[in-house]
C-alpha atoms as a PDB file:
ATOM      1  CA  MET A   1      20.012 -14.139  19.015  1.00  0.00           C
ATOM      2  CA  LYS A   2      16.447 -15.592  19.826  1.00  0.00           C
ATOM      3  CA  ARG A   3      14.061 -14.370  17.311  1.00  0.00           C
ATOM      4  CA  LYS A   4      11.221 -15.507  15.414  1.00  0.00           C
ATOM      5  CA  ILE A   5      11.359 -17.532  12.424  1.00  0.00           C
ATOM      6  CA  ILE A   6       9.580 -20.435  10.193  1.00  0.00           C
ATOM      7  CA  SER A   7       9.142 -23.655  11.406  1.00  0.00           C
ATOM      8  CA  ILE A   8       8.331 -26.344   8.448  1.00  0.00           C
ATOM      9  CA  ASP A   9       5.999 -29.504  10.356  1.00  0.00           C
ATOM     10  CA  ASP A  10       7.509 -32.318   7.997  1.00  0.00           C
ATOM     11  CA  LYS A  11       4.718 -34.585   8.788  1.00  0.00           C
ATOM     12  CA  LYS A  12       2.050 -31.725   7.273  1.00  0.00           C
ATOM     13  CA  CYS A  13       4.370 -30.587   4.417  1.00  0.00           C
ATOM     14  CA  THR A  14       3.157 -32.334   0.889  1.00  0.00           C
ATOM     15  CA  GLY A  15       6.233 -30.675  -0.809  1.00  0.00           C
ATOM     16  CA  CYS A  16       3.476 -29.217  -3.053  1.00  0.00           C
ATOM     17  CA  GLY A  17       5.800 -26.065  -3.493  1.00  0.00           C
ATOM     18  CA  GLN A  18       3.041 -23.212  -2.849  1.00  0.00           C
ATOM     19  CA  CYS A  19       4.834 -20.894  -0.364  1.00  0.00           C
ATOM     20  CA  ILE A  20       8.179 -20.785  -2.535  1.00  0.00           C
ATOM     21  CA  PRO A  21       7.039 -18.154  -4.219  1.00  0.00           C
ATOM     22  CA  ASP A  22       6.082 -16.192  -1.368  1.00  0.00           C
ATOM     23  CA  CYS A  23       9.338 -16.732   0.104  1.00  0.00           C
ATOM     24  CA  PRO A  24      11.380 -13.687  -2.188  1.00  0.00           C
ATOM     25  CA  GLU A  25      14.295 -14.140  -0.019  1.00  0.00           C
ATOM     26  CA  GLY A  26      14.951 -16.801  -0.952  1.00  0.00           C
ATOM     27  CA  ALA A  27      14.898 -18.986   2.428  1.00  0.00           C
ATOM     28  CA  LEU A  28      12.698 -21.856   1.549  1.00  0.00           C
ATOM     29  CA  GLN A  29      13.347 -24.844  -1.036  1.00  0.00           C
ATOM     30  CA  ILE A  30      11.924 -27.998  -1.871  1.00  0.00           C
ATOM     31  CA  ILE A  31      14.256 -30.625  -1.055  1.00  0.00           C
ATOM     32  CA  ASP A  32      13.344 -34.238  -0.936  1.00  0.00           C
ATOM     33  CA  GLY A  33      10.213 -33.245  -1.347  1.00  0.00           C
ATOM     34  CA  LYS A  34       9.491 -31.317   1.375  1.00  0.00           C
ATOM     35  CA  ALA A  35       9.729 -27.540   2.051  1.00  0.00           C
ATOM     36  CA  ARG A  36      12.770 -26.650   3.998  1.00  0.00           C
ATOM     37  CA  LEU A  37      13.906 -23.466   5.612  1.00  0.00           C
ATOM     38  CA  VAL A  38      17.522 -23.362   4.251  1.00  0.00           C
ATOM     39  CA  SER A  39      19.070 -20.454   5.483  1.00  0.00           C
ATOM     40  CA  ASP A  40      18.022 -18.691   8.930  1.00  0.00           C
ATOM     41  CA  LEU A  41      20.007 -15.559   7.551  1.00  0.00           C
ATOM     42  CA  PHE A  42      17.556 -15.114   4.578  1.00  0.00           C
ATOM     43  CA  CYS A  43      14.248 -15.699   6.835  1.00  0.00           C
ATOM     44  CA  ASP A  44      12.966 -12.881   8.639  1.00  0.00           C
ATOM     45  CA  GLY A  45      10.113 -14.472  10.309  1.00  0.00           C
ATOM     46  CA  LEU A  46       6.987 -12.390   9.063  1.00  0.00           C
ATOM     47  CA  GLY A  47       5.717 -15.439   7.569  1.00  0.00           C
ATOM     48  CA  ALA A  48       4.594 -14.864   4.117  1.00  0.00           C
ATOM     49  CA  CYS A  49       4.482 -18.232   3.418  1.00  0.00           C
ATOM     50  CA  ILE A  50       1.917 -19.044   5.695  1.00  0.00           C
ATOM     51  CA  GLY A  51      -1.367 -17.993   3.958  1.00  0.00           C
ATOM     52  CA  THR A  52      -0.481 -20.297   0.794  1.00  0.00           C
ATOM     53  CA  CYS A  53       0.344 -23.456   2.522  1.00  0.00           C
ATOM     54  CA  PRO A  54      -3.164 -25.494   2.026  1.00  0.00           C
ATOM     55  CA  GLU A  55      -2.048 -27.976   5.020  1.00  0.00           C
ATOM     56  CA  GLY A  56      -1.112 -25.370   7.781  1.00  0.00           C
ATOM     57  CA  ALA A  57       2.717 -26.678   8.002  1.00  0.00           C
ATOM     58  CA  ILE A  58       4.346 -23.118   8.200  1.00  0.00           C
ATOM     59  CA  SER A  59       4.287 -21.351  11.599  1.00  0.00           C
ATOM     60  CA  VAL A  60       6.632 -18.751  13.191  1.00  0.00           C
ATOM     61  CA  ILE A  61       7.981 -19.787  16.228  1.00  0.00           C
ATOM     62  CA  GLU A  62      10.616 -17.756  18.755  1.00  0.00           C
ATOM     63  CA  ARG A  63      14.165 -19.430  19.013  1.00  0.00           C
ATOM     64  CA  GLU A  64      18.028 -19.269  18.177  1.00  0.00           C
ATOM     65  CA  ALA A  65      18.347 -18.038  15.524  1.00  0.00           C
ATOM     66  CA  VAL A  66      21.249 -16.279  12.842  1.00  0.00           C
ATOM     67  CA  PRO A  67      20.406 -12.779  12.945  1.00  0.00           C
ATOM     68  CA  TYR A  68      18.546 -11.937   9.827  1.00  0.00           C
ATOM     69  CA  ASP A  69      20.709  -9.882   7.313  1.00  0.00           C
ATOM     70  CA  GLU A  70      18.882  -7.490   4.808  1.00  0.00           C
ATOM     71  CA  LYS A  71      21.783  -6.376   2.851  1.00  0.00           C
ATOM     72  CA  THR A  72      22.640 -10.058   2.263  1.00  0.00           C
ATOM     73  CA  VAL A  73      19.153 -11.157   1.323  1.00  0.00           C
ATOM     74  CA  MET A  74      19.120  -8.049  -1.244  1.00  0.00           C
ATOM     75  CA  GLU A  75      21.992  -9.753  -2.870  1.00  0.00           C
ATOM     76  CA  ASN A  76      19.736 -12.764  -3.551  1.00  0.00           C
ATOM     77  CA  ILE A  77      16.619 -10.657  -4.492  1.00  0.00           C
ATOM     78  CA  VAL A  78      18.117  -8.418  -6.711  1.00  0.00           C
ATOM     79  CA  GLN A  79      19.174 -11.650  -9.084  1.00  0.00           C
ATOM     80  CA  GLN A  80      15.714 -12.567  -9.276  1.00  0.00           C
ATOM     81  CA  GLY A  81      14.792  -9.356 -11.164  1.00  0.00           C
ATOM     82  CA  SER A  82      12.344  -6.110 -10.622  1.00  0.00           C
ATOM     83  CA  PRO A  83       8.924  -8.103  -9.633  1.00  0.00           C
ATOM     84  CA  VAL A  84      11.063  -9.570  -6.752  1.00  0.00           C
ATOM     85  CA  ILE A  85      12.469  -6.587  -5.632  1.00  0.00           C
ATOM     86  CA  LYS A  86       9.125  -4.795  -5.659  1.00  0.00           C
ATOM     87  CA  ALA A  87       7.539  -7.837  -4.092  1.00  0.00           C
ATOM     88  CA  HIS A  88      10.128  -7.717  -1.008  1.00  0.00           C
ATOM     89  CA  LEU A  89       9.904  -4.154  -0.480  1.00  0.00           C
ATOM     90  CA  GLU A  90       5.944  -4.071  -0.380  1.00  0.00           C
ATOM     91  CA  HIS A  91       6.685  -7.068   2.127  1.00  0.00           C
ATOM     92  CA  LEU A  92       8.647  -5.026   4.442  1.00  0.00           C
ATOM     93  CA  ARG A  93       6.214  -2.253   3.998  1.00  0.00           C
ATOM     94  CA  GLY A  94       2.964  -4.101   4.793  1.00  0.00           C
ATOM     95  CA  HIS A  95       4.869  -5.279   8.220  1.00  0.00           C
ATOM     96  CA  GLY A  96       5.524  -1.822   9.123  1.00  0.00           C
ATOM     97  CA  GLN A  97       9.577  -3.260   9.120  1.00  0.00           C
ATOM     98  CA  ILE A  98      10.711   0.460   8.461  1.00  0.00           C
ATOM     99  CA  GLU A  99      14.648   0.018   9.282  1.00  0.00           C
ATOM    100  CA  LEU A 100      14.964  -3.316   6.808  1.00  0.00           C
ATOM    101  CA  TYR A 101      13.149  -1.334   4.506  1.00  0.00           C
ATOM    102  CA  ASN A 102      15.686   1.590   4.501  1.00  0.00           C
ATOM    103  CA  GLN A 103      18.213  -0.561   4.312  1.00  0.00           C
ATOM    104  CA  ALA A 104      16.976  -2.099   1.423  1.00  0.00           C
ATOM    105  CA  ILE A 105      16.325   1.254  -0.272  1.00  0.00           C
ATOM    106  CA  GLU A 106      19.889   1.650   0.572  1.00  0.00           C
ATOM    107  CA  TYR A 107      21.148  -1.634  -0.773  1.00  0.00           C
ATOM    108  CA  LEU A 108      19.632  -0.547  -4.487  1.00  0.00           C
ATOM    109  CA  ILE A 109      20.710   2.863  -4.309  1.00  0.00           C
ATOM    110  CA  GLU A 110      24.172   1.565  -3.595  1.00  0.00           C
ATOM    111  CA  ASN A 111      24.566  -0.665  -6.030  1.00  0.00           C
ATOM    112  CA  THR A 112      22.755   1.625  -8.961  1.00  0.00           C
ATOM    113  CA  VAL A 113      19.689  -1.104  -9.130  1.00  0.00           C
ATOM    114  CA  PRO A 114      16.430   0.779 -10.572  1.00  0.00           C
ATOM    115  CA  ILE A 115      13.773   1.011  -7.798  1.00  0.00           C
ATOM    116  CA  PRO A 116      10.772  -0.471  -8.635  1.00  0.00           C
ATOM    117  CA  ASP A 117       7.219   1.479  -8.495  1.00  0.00           C
ATOM    118  CA  HIS A 118       5.937  -0.084  -4.873  1.00  0.00           C
ATOM    119  CA  ASN A 119       3.268   2.788  -4.158  1.00  0.00           C
ATOM    120  CA  GLY A 120      -0.015   1.284  -5.100  1.00  0.00           C
ATOM    121  CA  PRO A 121      -2.090  -1.387  -3.779  1.00  0.00           C
ATOM    122  CA  VAL A 122       0.711  -3.832  -1.446  1.00  0.00           C
ATOM    123  CA  CYS A 123      -0.876  -6.863  -3.506  1.00  0.00           C
ATOM    124  CA  PRO A 124      -3.714  -8.207  -4.843  1.00  0.00           C
ATOM    125  CA  THR A 125      -5.475 -10.364  -2.649  1.00  0.00           C
ATOM    126  CA  ARG A 126      -6.448 -13.810  -3.427  1.00  0.00           C
ATOM    127  CA  PRO A 127      -7.971 -16.706  -2.550  1.00  0.00           C
ATOM    128  CA  ALA A 128      -6.071 -18.894   0.431  1.00  0.00           C
ATOM    129  CA  GLN A 129      -4.779 -22.211  -1.293  1.00  0.00           C
ATOM    130  CA  SER A 130      -4.824 -20.310  -5.017  1.00  0.00           C
ATOM    131  CA  ASP A 131      -3.338 -22.852  -7.974  1.00  0.00           C
ATOM    132  CA  HIS A 132      -1.974 -19.293  -8.793  1.00  0.00           C
ATOM    133  CA  SER A 133       0.267 -18.035  -6.476  1.00  0.00           C
ATOM    134  CA  PRO A 134       2.189 -14.551  -7.841  1.00  0.00           C
ATOM    135  CA  PHE A 135       4.961 -13.044  -5.867  1.00  0.00           C
ATOM    136  CA  ALA A 136       3.313 -11.697  -2.911  1.00  0.00           C
ATOM    137  CA  THR A 137       3.392 -10.058   0.371  1.00  0.00           C
ATOM    138  CA  CYS A 138       1.029 -10.116   3.236  1.00  0.00           C
ATOM    139  CA  PRO A 139      -2.053  -8.520   2.712  1.00  0.00           C
ATOM    140  CA  GLY A 140      -3.294  -8.869   5.622  1.00  0.00           C
ATOM    141  CA  SER A 141      -0.686  -6.776   7.551  1.00  0.00           C
ATOM    142  CA  ALA A 142      -0.561  -3.838   4.969  1.00  0.00           C
ATOM    143  CA  ALA A 143      -1.456  -0.282   5.803  1.00  0.00           C
ATOM    144  CA  LEU A 144      -4.686   0.977   4.024  1.00  0.00           C
ATOM    145  CA  SER A 145      -6.604   3.781   4.944  1.00  0.00           C
ATOM    146  CA  ILE A 146     -10.581   3.214   3.716  1.00  0.00           C
ATOM    147  CA  SER A 147     -12.640   6.194   2.946  1.00  0.00           C
ATOM    148  CA  ARG A 148     -16.069   6.552   4.430  1.00  0.00           C
ATOM    149  CA  ASN A 149     -19.202   8.777   3.572  1.00  0.00           C
ATOM    150  CA  THR A 150     -20.275  10.095   7.100  1.00  0.00           C
ATOM    151  CA  THR A 151     -22.948  11.755   5.791  1.00  0.00           C
ATOM    152  CA  ALA A 152     -24.666   8.332   4.590  1.00  0.00           C
ATOM    153  CA  PRO A 153     -27.940   8.346   5.427  1.00  0.00           C
ATOM    154  CA  ASN A 154     -29.850   5.454   7.496  1.00  0.00           C
ATOM    155  CA  ARG A 155     -26.752   4.736   9.546  1.00  0.00           C
ATOM    156  CA  GLN A 156     -28.392   3.893  12.787  1.00  0.00           C
ATOM    157  CA  PRO A 157     -26.653   4.858  16.451  1.00  0.00           C
ATOM    158  CA  SER A 158     -24.877   2.122  18.307  1.00  0.00           C
ATOM    159  CA  ALA A 159     -27.578   3.050  20.954  1.00  0.00           C
ATOM    160  CA  LEU A 160     -30.728   1.865  18.994  1.00  0.00           C
ATOM    161  CA  SER A 161     -28.256  -1.457  18.368  1.00  0.00           C
ATOM    162  CA  GLU A 162     -28.592  -4.637  19.862  1.00  0.00           C
ATOM    163  CA  SER A 163     -25.928  -7.034  20.797  1.00  0.00           C
ATOM    164  CA  GLU A 164     -26.399 -10.751  19.243  1.00  0.00           C
ATOM    165  CA  LEU A 165     -23.820 -12.288  21.628  1.00  0.00           C
ATOM    166  CA  ARG A 166     -25.184 -15.272  23.240  1.00  0.00           C
ATOM    167  CA  GLN A 167     -22.575 -16.270  25.441  1.00  0.00           C
ATOM    168  CA  TRP A 168     -19.251 -15.430  27.165  1.00  0.00           C
ATOM    169  CA  PRO A 169     -16.028 -15.738  26.109  1.00  0.00           C
ATOM    170  CA  VAL A 170     -15.773 -15.900  22.527  1.00  0.00           C
ATOM    171  CA  GLN A 171     -12.162 -16.585  21.955  1.00  0.00           C
ATOM    172  CA  LEU A 172     -11.327 -20.441  21.272  1.00  0.00           C
ATOM    173  CA  SER A 173      -7.932 -20.319  23.817  1.00  0.00           C
ATOM    174  CA  LEU A 174     -10.769 -19.008  26.141  1.00  0.00           C
ATOM    175  CA  LEU A 175     -13.504 -21.022  25.672  1.00  0.00           C
ATOM    176  CA  ASN A 176     -14.543 -24.594  27.831  1.00  0.00           C
ATOM    177  CA  SER A 177     -15.756 -27.531  25.116  1.00  0.00           C
ATOM    178  CA  ALA A 178     -17.742 -28.407  27.327  1.00  0.00           C
ATOM    179  CA  ALA A 179     -19.837 -25.464  28.326  1.00  0.00           C
ATOM    180  CA  PRO A 180     -23.808 -26.429  28.049  1.00  0.00           C
ATOM    181  CA  TYR A 181     -24.612 -23.107  25.457  1.00  0.00           C
ATOM    182  CA  PHE A 182     -22.916 -25.628  22.416  1.00  0.00           C
ATOM    183  CA  ASP A 183     -25.696 -27.849  22.682  1.00  0.00           C
ATOM    184  CA  ASN A 184     -27.890 -28.040  19.670  1.00  0.00           C
ATOM    185  CA  ALA A 185     -26.067 -24.964  18.645  1.00  0.00           C
ATOM    186  CA  ASP A 186     -25.517 -23.219  15.194  1.00  0.00           C
ATOM    187  CA  LEU A 187     -21.872 -21.542  15.293  1.00  0.00           C
ATOM    188  CA  LEU A 188     -20.411 -19.282  13.761  1.00  0.00           C
ATOM    189  CA  ILE A 189     -16.270 -19.715  13.519  1.00  0.00           C
ATOM    190  CA  SER A 190     -15.030 -16.348  12.580  1.00  0.00           C
ATOM    191  CA  ALA A 191     -11.314 -14.633  12.480  1.00  0.00           C
ATOM    192  CA  ASP A 192     -10.943 -11.887  14.995  1.00  0.00           C
ATOM    193  CA  CYS A 193     -10.784  -9.177  12.513  1.00  0.00           C
ATOM    194  CA  VAL A 194     -14.224  -9.768  10.565  1.00  0.00           C
ATOM    195  CA  PRO A 195     -16.391  -8.453  13.255  1.00  0.00           C
ATOM    196  CA  PHE A 196     -14.220  -5.201  12.976  1.00  0.00           C
ATOM    197  CA  ALA A 197     -14.587  -4.992   8.906  1.00  0.00           C
ATOM    198  CA  TYR A 198     -18.116  -6.508   8.197  1.00  0.00           C
ATOM    199  CA  ALA A 199     -21.022  -3.330   9.766  1.00  0.00           C
ATOM    200  CA  GLY A 200     -23.641  -6.318   9.589  1.00  0.00           C
ATOM    201  CA  PHE A 201     -21.638  -8.678  11.631  1.00  0.00           C
ATOM    202  CA  HIS A 202     -24.132  -8.860  14.501  1.00  0.00           C
ATOM    203  CA  THR A 203     -27.640  -8.868  12.525  1.00  0.00           C
ATOM    204  CA  GLU A 204     -26.407 -10.873   9.371  1.00  0.00           C
ATOM    205  CA  LEU A 205     -23.680 -13.211  10.794  1.00  0.00           C
ATOM    206  CA  LEU A 206     -23.925 -13.516  14.503  1.00  0.00           C
ATOM    207  CA  LYS A 207     -27.734 -13.566  15.581  1.00  0.00           C
ATOM    208  CA  ASP A 208     -29.021 -16.880  16.910  1.00  0.00           C
ATOM    209  CA  ARG A 209     -25.517 -18.290  16.612  1.00  0.00           C
ATOM    210  CA  ILE A 210     -22.901 -19.119  19.441  1.00  0.00           C
ATOM    211  CA  VAL A 211     -19.442 -17.510  18.136  1.00  0.00           C
ATOM    212  CA  ILE A 212     -16.160 -18.852  18.192  1.00  0.00           C
ATOM    213  CA  ILE A 213     -12.942 -16.412  17.319  1.00  0.00           C
ATOM    214  CA  PHE A 214      -9.560 -16.935  16.786  1.00  0.00           C
ATOM    215  CA  CYS A 215      -6.435 -15.757  14.612  1.00  0.00           C
ATOM    216  CA  PRO A 216      -4.792 -18.337  12.608  1.00  0.00           C
ATOM    217  CA  LYS A 217      -1.969 -16.628  11.617  1.00  0.00           C
ATOM    218  CA  LEU A 218      -1.078 -14.618  15.121  1.00  0.00           C
ATOM    219  CA  ASP A 219      -2.543 -17.551  17.573  1.00  0.00           C
ATOM    220  CA  SER A 220       0.318 -19.938  17.924  1.00  0.00           C
ATOM    221  CA  ASP A 221      -1.278 -23.053  19.255  1.00  0.00           C
ATOM    222  CA  ILE A 222      -3.246 -23.962  15.833  1.00  0.00           C
ATOM    223  CA  ASP A 223      -2.765 -27.746  16.747  1.00  0.00           C
ATOM    224  CA  GLY A 224      -4.479 -27.632  20.072  1.00  0.00           C
ATOM    225  CA  TYR A 225      -7.174 -25.032  18.207  1.00  0.00           C
ATOM    226  CA  ILE A 226      -7.811 -28.332  16.379  1.00  0.00           C
ATOM    227  CA  THR A 227      -8.273 -30.518  18.783  1.00  0.00           C
ATOM    228  CA  LYS A 228     -10.380 -28.116  21.652  1.00  0.00           C
ATOM    229  CA  LEU A 229     -12.709 -27.386  18.350  1.00  0.00           C
ATOM    230  CA  ALA A 230     -12.974 -31.165  17.756  1.00  0.00           C
ATOM    231  CA  GLU A 231     -13.830 -31.699  21.777  1.00  0.00           C
ATOM    232  CA  ILE A 232     -16.767 -29.194  20.854  1.00  0.00           C
ATOM    233  CA  PHE A 233     -17.926 -31.416  18.182  1.00  0.00           C
ATOM    234  CA  SER A 234     -17.488 -34.548  19.867  1.00  0.00           C
ATOM    235  CA  ARG A 235     -19.284 -33.964  23.162  1.00  0.00           C
ATOM    236  CA  HIS A 236     -22.550 -31.793  21.646  1.00  0.00           C
ATOM    237  CA  THR A 237     -25.062 -31.815  18.667  1.00  0.00           C
ATOM    238  CA  ILE A 238     -23.875 -28.894  16.755  1.00  0.00           C
ATOM    239  CA  LYS A 239     -26.506 -28.283  13.901  1.00  0.00           C
ATOM    240  CA  SER A 240     -24.435 -26.117  11.583  1.00  0.00           C
ATOM    241  CA  ILE A 241     -21.487 -24.247  10.925  1.00  0.00           C
ATOM    242  CA  MET A 242     -20.957 -20.728   8.967  1.00  0.00           C
ATOM    243  CA  VAL A 243     -17.540 -19.474   9.164  1.00  0.00           C
ATOM    244  CA  ALA A 244     -16.469 -16.108   8.749  1.00  0.00           C
ATOM    245  CA  HIS A 245     -12.774 -15.068   7.329  1.00  0.00           C
ATOM    246  CA  MET A 246     -11.555 -11.953   5.609  1.00  0.00           C
ATOM    247  CA  GLU A 247     -10.116 -12.162   1.941  1.00  0.00           C
ATOM    248  CA  VAL A 248      -6.797 -12.338   2.895  1.00  0.00           C
ATOM    249  CA  PRO A 249      -4.498 -15.510   2.320  1.00  0.00           C
ATOM    250  CA  CYS A 250      -3.888 -15.993   5.764  1.00  0.00           C
ATOM    251  CA  CYS A 251      -6.912 -15.857   7.162  1.00  0.00           C
ATOM    252  CA  GLY A 252      -8.054 -19.155   4.811  1.00  0.00           C
ATOM    253  CA  GLY A 253      -6.379 -20.853   8.044  1.00  0.00           C
ATOM    254  CA  VAL A 254      -9.844 -20.240   9.387  1.00  0.00           C
ATOM    255  CA  ARG A 255     -11.469 -23.258   7.338  1.00  0.00           C
ATOM    256  CA  TYR A 256      -8.337 -25.792   7.425  1.00  0.00           C
ATOM    257  CA  VAL A 257      -8.449 -25.774  11.325  1.00  0.00           C
ATOM    258  CA  ILE A 258     -12.262 -26.664  11.256  1.00  0.00           C
ATOM    259  CA  ASP A 259     -12.260 -29.148   8.110  1.00  0.00           C
ATOM    260  CA  LYS A 260      -9.465 -30.678  10.069  1.00  0.00           C
ATOM    261  CA  ALA A 261     -11.067 -30.202  13.643  1.00  0.00           C
ATOM    262  CA  LEU A 262     -13.943 -32.180  11.866  1.00  0.00           C
ATOM    263  CA  GLU A 263     -11.898 -35.113  10.351  1.00  0.00           C
ATOM    264  CA  GLN A 264     -10.924 -35.778  13.916  1.00  0.00           C
ATOM    265  CA  SER A 265     -14.213 -35.780  15.259  1.00  0.00           C
ATOM    266  CA  GLY A 266     -15.469 -37.754  12.706  1.00  0.00           C
ATOM    267  CA  LYS A 267     -18.701 -35.477  12.799  1.00  0.00           C
ATOM    268  CA  LYS A 268     -20.557 -34.186   9.454  1.00  0.00           C
ATOM    269  CA  ILE A 269     -21.947 -30.793  10.267  1.00  0.00           C
ATOM    270  CA  PRO A 270     -23.416 -29.069   7.565  1.00  0.00           C
ATOM    271  CA  VAL A 271     -20.365 -25.666   6.741  1.00  0.00           C
ATOM    272  CA  THR A 272     -21.065 -22.234   4.946  1.00  0.00           C
ATOM    273  CA  GLU A 273     -18.746 -19.997   4.384  1.00  0.00           C
ATOM    274  CA  LYS A 274     -18.361 -16.304   3.872  1.00  0.00           C
ATOM    275  CA  THR A 275     -15.583 -14.256   3.081  1.00  0.00           C
ATOM    276  CA  ILE A 276     -15.569 -10.369   4.090  1.00  0.00           C
ATOM    277  CA  THR A 277     -13.263  -7.791   2.014  1.00  0.00           C
ATOM    278  CA  ILE A 278     -10.844  -5.583   3.604  1.00  0.00           C
ATOM    279  CA  GLN A 279     -13.444  -2.449   2.431  1.00  0.00           C
ATOM    280  CA  GLY A 280     -16.167  -3.991   4.522  1.00  0.00           C
ATOM    281  CA  GLY A 281     -17.946  -6.285   1.722  1.00  0.00           C
ATOM    282  CA  MET A 282     -19.164  -9.906   1.348  1.00  0.00           C
ATOM    283  CA  GLU A 283     -18.631 -12.030  -0.944  1.00  0.00           C
END
């Protein structure tokens, strides 16, 4: 069958092993100094391992693969203990994989394995490329309700706010690298969730800047993005780059793409970085 599954670029992979703990299913191993997908059967294709790869070597592709088997995976996971069971259940729940989640619970019940408490936060978020990589799911996909004070004072009606957008389009895949608005520009390169999470996006981040947005996890052509950004950097005098991304691990790929594009272009451009929390704050 044709389905989504992990792909590892041998040329980029350094064998650091940071992806291994984020695959409690057991689909990844370090072999001959490289991360390898050792079993299509164990890979659910949801990409929890992507965010902790410091080299951007892991992506999700669609190809012919053996169907994922949740109960076979559970046999492997149960042997690893309660923390791994918990991480796996939260992983499935966070991605909305209810059918697989139910199969996992069914397996635990059938085999009289205690079901760990997994009703709290999906997992503590951590900076991308952290040296510490606990068993983790993908917090960027976790279902989360956020309470807001709708009676808070000083809320400005949207009709009284002005957009700070200075160009169109904004998606990196649609941009023309030769567009004149890049000349002598200050750039804001942002993950595409940031404007929705951060209320001050227009006034504090976008004002007086040209914006480029993309998603390092869901967009497929990361190499193409690196090339296009390198073209923009090479063709124009860029005065500065502000990077804005969410706190979730997979969003760290935004900075990776920018750093690779700068390296490819040979340009030295000042870069500042802003991290936005899921609750809407800025770190």
